[in-house]
Amino acid sequence: MSKWLQLAKDHNLPRMASIQNEYSLLCRNFEPGWSEIALSEDCGLLAWSPLTRGILSGKYLNGAQPEGARLTIETRVEHRGGPETDAAAAAYIDLAQRHGLDPCQMAIAFVNQQPFVSSTLIGATTMEQLRSNIDAIDVRLNDEVLSEINLLRRKYPMLF
């Protein structure tokens, strides 16, 4: 990103306005390096897969393969499955439920609240999921929830 921005400056080219990377509660490798550059260079993240391909919904826990779900019909092998991923997803779902939050909306709200995120790219299989994901724009996570998210991140640092 830094090189691209410098080349644009040096050659009087259009400046890059954003970068599109995966970012979610389970995939936070944009932090800290990329996020620092994004903030200092005003080049925000277009965060894709805020639900980690639906894993944070809980529908794939314990190897479940719901009919019609993305990872059930996907032809690529999902490298994120397994007991550690299940444990992390279950912990985030439990956190959301203890605070009266929808787990998917909490996951999307977390991404939306990051200062380096310009836009969150949501996806949905059903109209109900799409409505819920869109409604996450109105969810603000309080300091207690954010603190518990940080504790879970220490327990489940980088799964992917």
Foldseek 3Di string as FASTA:
>chain_A
DVVQQVVCVVVVHDGAQEDEDADWLQAHPCPDVVLVCLVVVNHAYAHEDLCVQVVLQVCCAPNHQDPPRPCNPDPDDDPQDDDLSNVLSVQLCVLQVVVVHRRLLVTLQVQVPDPRHPHYDDDDRDPVVVVSNVVSVPDHDDPVSVVVSVVSCVVNPHRD
